[in-house]
Amino acid sequence: MIKQTLFFTIALYTFNLQAQSKNFIDQPYIETLARADTLVSPDRIFLNIIVKEKDSKGKISVEELEKNMYEKLKSIGIDTKKDLLLNNLSSNYRKYFLKSQDIQKSKSYTLMVTSAQSAGEVIAALEDIEISNVSLESTAYSKSDQMALFLKSKAVAKARIQALALAKPLNQKVSNAILISDLTDAKYSSRNMMARKQLASKELLSRESKGEDSEADEVEFVKIKLASVVNVTFRLE
């Protein structure tokens, strides 16, 4: 008796699922794909700074350059305790004419600034103390999560507008949404970041190779493109 009851329950549940699926397929509906995107200026700019001792008669040690760097960055308003991070400490060996070896130490730092203007000020300030090995690591937008939600909502609204436009010539009304799918590519962000890094690095290298004046307003970074894609199915009446 218990087995029969269990079998009947499972059969009824399966029938209900099939009926719901059949009802969804049989009823008139319209499906639209919509995309919303925007460009934002990066507000998290990460610069790589390499401090390397000067190989000359009046050799300047890494420690001295490091001290000068800290003082210079503080003088332009950089919070070195919060925004400056030491990456590694390395020693490079170079051979000279007398086959002797000299240890040439270097340190790598990552500095975060919040605008292109600040990045320009940092580059100019470090050049003043003979630290010119500065490159772009990456850029980011601090409110990307909030912007992503806004774009999803915008894409859904756009999907409904498209559905209305498609249904109008048929004299049919667009009703409630039956299914909403978020098709935003999660890998898009990483690809976009790599593209921004490459483009911005080229801009920075081009600027340095031309020997242009290190004014802050001349430094610009590629804007970040954020996008959301949704697929929405509406019931038609």
Protein backbone atom coordinates (compact mmCIF):
# COMPACT_ATOMS: atom_id res chain seq x y z
CA MET A 1 0.00 0.00 0.00
CA ILE A 2 2.83 2.38 0.90
CA LYS A 3 4.65 1.57 -2.35
CA GLN A 4 1.49 2.25 -4.37
CA THR A 5 0.96 5.58 -2.61
CA LEU A 6 4.60 6.60 -3.19
CA PHE A 7 4.37 5.60 -6.85
CA PHE A 8 1.16 7.62 -7.27
CA THR A 9 2.77 10.69 -5.63
CA ILE A 10 5.82 10.54 -7.90
CA ALA A 11 3.65 10.04 -10.98
CA LEU A 12 1.45 13.00 -10.02
CA TYR A 13 4.50 15.23 -9.42
CA THR A 14 5.96 14.25 -12.79
CA PHE A 15 2.65 14.93 -14.50
CA ASN A 16 2.46 18.41 -12.92
CA LEU A 17 5.97 19.26 -14.10
CA GLN A 18 5.15 18.11 -17.62
CA ALA A 19 1.92 20.07 -17.56
CA GLN A 20 3.71 23.25 -16.44
CA SER A 21 6.34 22.78 -19.13
CA LYS A 22 3.67 22.15 -21.74
CA ASN A 23 1.70 25.21 -20.63
CA PHE A 24 4.81 27.36 -20.96
CA ILE A 25 5.55 26.09 -24.45
CA ASP A 26 1.96 26.25 -25.66
CA GLN A 27 1.20 29.79 -24.55
CA PRO A 28 2.20 32.65 -26.86
CA TYR A 29 5.38 34.38 -25.83
CA ILE A 30 8.12 36.64 -27.16
CA GLU A 31 11.81 36.41 -26.35
CA THR A 32 14.24 39.34 -26.62
CA LEU A 33 17.95 39.83 -26.03
CA ALA A 34 19.12 43.20 -24.72
CA ARG A 35 22.45 44.76 -23.82
CA ALA A 36 23.33 47.82 -21.76
CA ASP A 37 26.84 49.22 -21.42
CA THR A 38 28.72 52.29 -20.31
CA LEU A 39 32.22 53.73 -20.05
CA VAL A 40 33.62 54.79 -16.68
CA SER A 41 36.87 56.45 -15.75
CA PRO A 42 39.11 54.25 -13.57
CA ASP A 43 39.42 55.43 -9.98
CA ARG A 44 41.88 52.76 -8.89
CA ILE A 45 45.16 53.09 -10.81
CA PHE A 46 47.99 50.78 -9.80
CA LEU A 47 51.51 51.85 -10.72
CA ASN A 48 54.60 49.67 -10.51
CA ILE A 49 57.68 51.52 -9.27
CA ILE A 50 61.13 49.94 -9.41
CA VAL A 51 63.82 51.53 -7.26
CA LYS A 52 67.26 50.48 -8.46
CA GLU A 53 70.60 51.67 -7.15
CA LYS A 54 72.48 53.92 -9.54
CA ASP A 55 75.56 52.35 -11.10
CA SER A 56 77.99 55.23 -11.20
CA LYS A 57 81.02 56.64 -9.41
CA GLY A 58 78.78 58.33 -6.91
CA LYS A 59 76.59 55.28 -6.44
CA ILE A 60 73.21 56.01 -4.88
CA SER A 61 72.02 53.11 -2.79
CA VAL A 62 68.53 51.64 -2.92
CA GLU A 63 68.06 52.65 0.70
CA GLU A 64 68.79 56.29 -0.11
CA LEU A 65 66.54 56.28 -3.19
CA GLU A 66 63.84 54.59 -1.17
CA LYS A 67 64.04 57.28 1.51
CA ASN A 68 63.89 60.01 -1.13
CA MET A 69 60.89 58.31 -2.74
CA TYR A 70 58.94 58.17 0.51
CA GLU A 71 59.65 61.82 1.25
CA LYS A 72 58.74 62.91 -2.27
CA LEU A 73 55.49 60.95 -2.34
CA LYS A 74 54.46 62.33 1.04
CA SER A 75 55.19 65.86 -0.19
CA ILE A 76 52.54 65.50 -2.92
CA GLY A 77 49.95 64.09 -0.56
CA ILE A 78 50.42 60.33 -1.01
CA ASP A 79 49.64 58.16 2.02
CA THR A 80 52.60 55.79 1.77
CA LYS A 81 51.42 53.62 4.68
CA LYS A 82 48.06 52.98 3.01
CA ASP A 83 48.69 53.12 -0.73
CA LEU A 84 52.32 51.97 -1.19
CA LEU A 85 53.13 48.26 -1.06
CA LEU A 86 56.54 46.57 -1.31
CA ASN A 87 56.44 43.69 -3.80
CA ASN A 88 59.87 42.12 -3.57
CA LEU A 89 63.57 42.63 -2.97
CA SER A 90 66.00 41.35 -5.57
CA SER A 91 69.70 41.43 -6.35
CA ASN A 92 71.02 41.48 -9.89
CA TYR A 93 74.57 40.48 -10.77
CA ARG A 94 76.51 42.23 -13.49
CA LYS A 95 80.00 41.42 -14.83
CA TYR A 96 82.58 44.10 -15.43
CA PHE A 97 85.82 44.33 -17.38
CA LEU A 98 87.90 43.00 -14.48
CA LYS A 99 85.56 39.99 -14.23
CA SER A 100 84.51 41.12 -10.80
CA GLN A 101 80.91 41.08 -9.73
CA ASP A 102 78.92 43.84 -8.20
CA ILE A 103 75.56 43.32 -6.53
CA GLN A 104 72.97 45.71 -7.85
CA LYS A 105 69.94 45.72 -5.59
CA SER A 106 66.45 46.78 -6.55
CA LYS A 107 63.03 47.01 -4.95
CA SER A 108 59.62 46.83 -6.58
CA TYR A 109 56.59 48.70 -5.25
CA THR A 110 52.93 48.98 -6.17
CA LEU A 111 51.35 52.37 -5.64
CA MET A 112 47.62 53.01 -5.88
CA VAL A 113 46.30 56.41 -6.91
CA THR A 114 42.73 57.43 -7.62
CA SER A 115 43.01 59.58 -10.73
CA ALA A 116 45.03 60.20 -13.87
CA GLN A 117 46.04 63.55 -12.44
CA SER A 118 47.51 61.88 -9.33
CA ALA A 119 49.35 59.39 -11.53
CA GLY A 120 50.87 62.25 -13.50
CA GLU A 121 51.96 64.00 -10.33
CA VAL A 122 53.61 60.81 -9.08
CA ILE A 123 55.48 60.27 -12.35
CA ALA A 124 56.71 63.88 -12.40
CA ALA A 125 57.72 63.80 -8.74
CA LEU A 126 59.68 60.56 -9.06
CA GLU A 127 61.46 61.80 -12.16
CA ASP A 128 62.71 64.72 -10.08
CA ILE A 129 64.59 62.28 -7.83
CA GLU A 130 65.83 60.13 -10.73
CA ILE A 131 63.31 57.32 -10.38
CA SER A 132 61.87 56.86 -13.86
CA ASN A 133 61.07 53.15 -13.95
CA VAL A 134 57.32 53.53 -13.49
CA SER A 135 54.79 51.43 -15.37
CA LEU A 136 51.08 50.70 -15.23
CA GLU A 137 50.00 47.46 -13.55
CA SER A 138 46.22 47.72 -13.89
CA THR A 139 43.19 49.96 -13.56
CA ALA A 140 39.85 49.35 -11.87
CA TYR A 141 36.56 51.02 -11.00
CA SER A 142 35.62 50.83 -7.32
CA LYS A 143 31.85 50.87 -7.89
CA SER A 144 31.75 48.24 -10.63
CA ASP A 145 29.36 45.97 -8.67
CA GLN A 146 26.79 48.74 -8.21
CA MET A 147 27.14 49.76 -11.85
CA ALA A 148 26.67 46.15 -12.96
CA LEU A 149 23.33 45.96 -11.13
CA PHE A 150 22.22 49.23 -12.68
CA LEU A 151 23.13 47.98 -16.17
CA LYS A 152 21.23 44.73 -15.63
CA SER A 153 18.10 46.69 -14.73
CA LYS A 154 18.62 48.92 -17.74
CA ALA A 155 19.03 45.90 -20.01
CA VAL A 156 15.80 44.33 -18.73
CA ALA A 157 13.92 47.59 -19.34
CA LYS A 158 15.39 47.70 -22.84
CA ALA A 159 14.26 44.12 -23.43
CA ARG A 160 10.66 45.08 -22.63
CA ILE A 161 10.83 48.06 -25.00
CA GLN A 162 12.05 45.74 -27.75
CA ALA A 163 9.27 43.26 -27.01
CA LEU A 164 6.64 46.01 -27.20
CA ALA A 165 8.01 47.16 -30.56
CA LEU A 166 7.95 43.62 -31.94
CA ALA A 167 4.45 42.83 -30.68
CA LYS A 168 2.81 46.07 -31.81
CA PRO A 169 2.50 45.15 -35.53
CA LEU A 170 0.81 41.91 -34.45
CA ASN A 171 -1.77 43.74 -32.31
CA GLN A 172 -0.69 41.73 -29.29
CA LYS A 173 0.02 42.94 -25.79
CA VAL A 174 3.20 42.17 -23.88
CA SER A 175 2.37 40.76 -20.45
CA ASN A 176 4.50 39.59 -17.52
CA ALA A 177 7.98 38.18 -17.90
CA ILE A 178 8.09 34.40 -17.84
CA LEU A 179 11.85 33.95 -17.75
CA ILE A 180 14.83 36.29 -17.23
CA SER A 181 18.37 35.05 -17.94
CA ASP A 182 21.54 36.98 -17.14
CA LEU A 183 23.92 36.31 -20.03
CA THR A 184 26.69 38.68 -18.96
CA ASP A 185 30.04 37.06 -19.67
CA ALA A 186 32.01 36.80 -16.42
CA LYS A 187 35.24 36.49 -18.43
CA TYR A 188 34.54 39.82 -20.10
CA SER A 189 35.90 41.79 -17.13
CA SER A 190 39.28 40.04 -17.14
CA ARG A 191 39.63 40.43 -20.92
CA ASN A 192 38.67 44.08 -20.63
CA MET A 193 41.21 44.61 -17.86
CA MET A 194 44.02 43.13 -19.96
CA ALA A 195 43.06 45.35 -22.89
CA ARG A 196 43.02 48.45 -20.68
CA LYS A 197 46.40 47.52 -19.23
CA GLN A 198 47.99 47.07 -22.65
CA LEU A 199 46.50 50.23 -24.14
CA ALA A 200 47.29 52.40 -21.14
CA SER A 201 50.84 51.05 -20.95
CA LYS A 202 51.35 51.91 -24.62
CA GLU A 203 50.10 55.44 -23.97
CA LEU A 204 52.45 55.81 -21.02
CA LEU A 205 55.45 54.44 -22.93
CA SER A 206 54.65 56.61 -25.95
CA ARG A 207 54.49 59.69 -23.76
CA GLU A 208 57.85 58.91 -22.13
CA SER A 209 59.60 58.08 -25.42
CA LYS A 210 58.54 61.40 -26.91
CA GLY A 211 60.02 63.20 -23.96
CA GLU A 212 56.86 65.19 -23.37
CA ASP A 213 56.44 67.46 -20.42
CA SER A 214 55.33 65.53 -17.33
CA GLU A 215 52.24 67.58 -16.62
CA ALA A 216 49.50 65.78 -14.74
CA ASP A 217 46.77 66.70 -17.19
CA GLU A 218 48.63 64.95 -20.03
CA VAL A 219 48.25 61.53 -18.44
CA GLU A 220 45.06 59.78 -19.48
CA PHE A 221 44.02 56.18 -19.04
CA VAL A 222 41.68 54.11 -21.17
CA LYS A 223 38.12 54.17 -19.84
CA ILE A 224 36.66 50.95 -18.50
CA LYS A 225 33.76 49.45 -20.44
CA LEU A 226 31.11 47.74 -18.31
CA ALA A 227 28.29 45.78 -19.91
CA SER A 228 25.34 43.55 -19.02
CA VAL A 229 23.37 41.25 -21.33
CA VAL A 230 19.99 39.71 -20.51
CA ASN A 231 17.54 37.45 -22.29
CA VAL A 232 13.89 37.98 -21.30
CA THR A 233 10.81 35.97 -22.26
CA PHE A 234 7.45 37.76 -22.02
CA ARG A 235 3.97 36.28 -22.23
CA LEU A 236 1.81 37.62 -25.02
CA GLU A 237 -1.91 38.34 -24.76
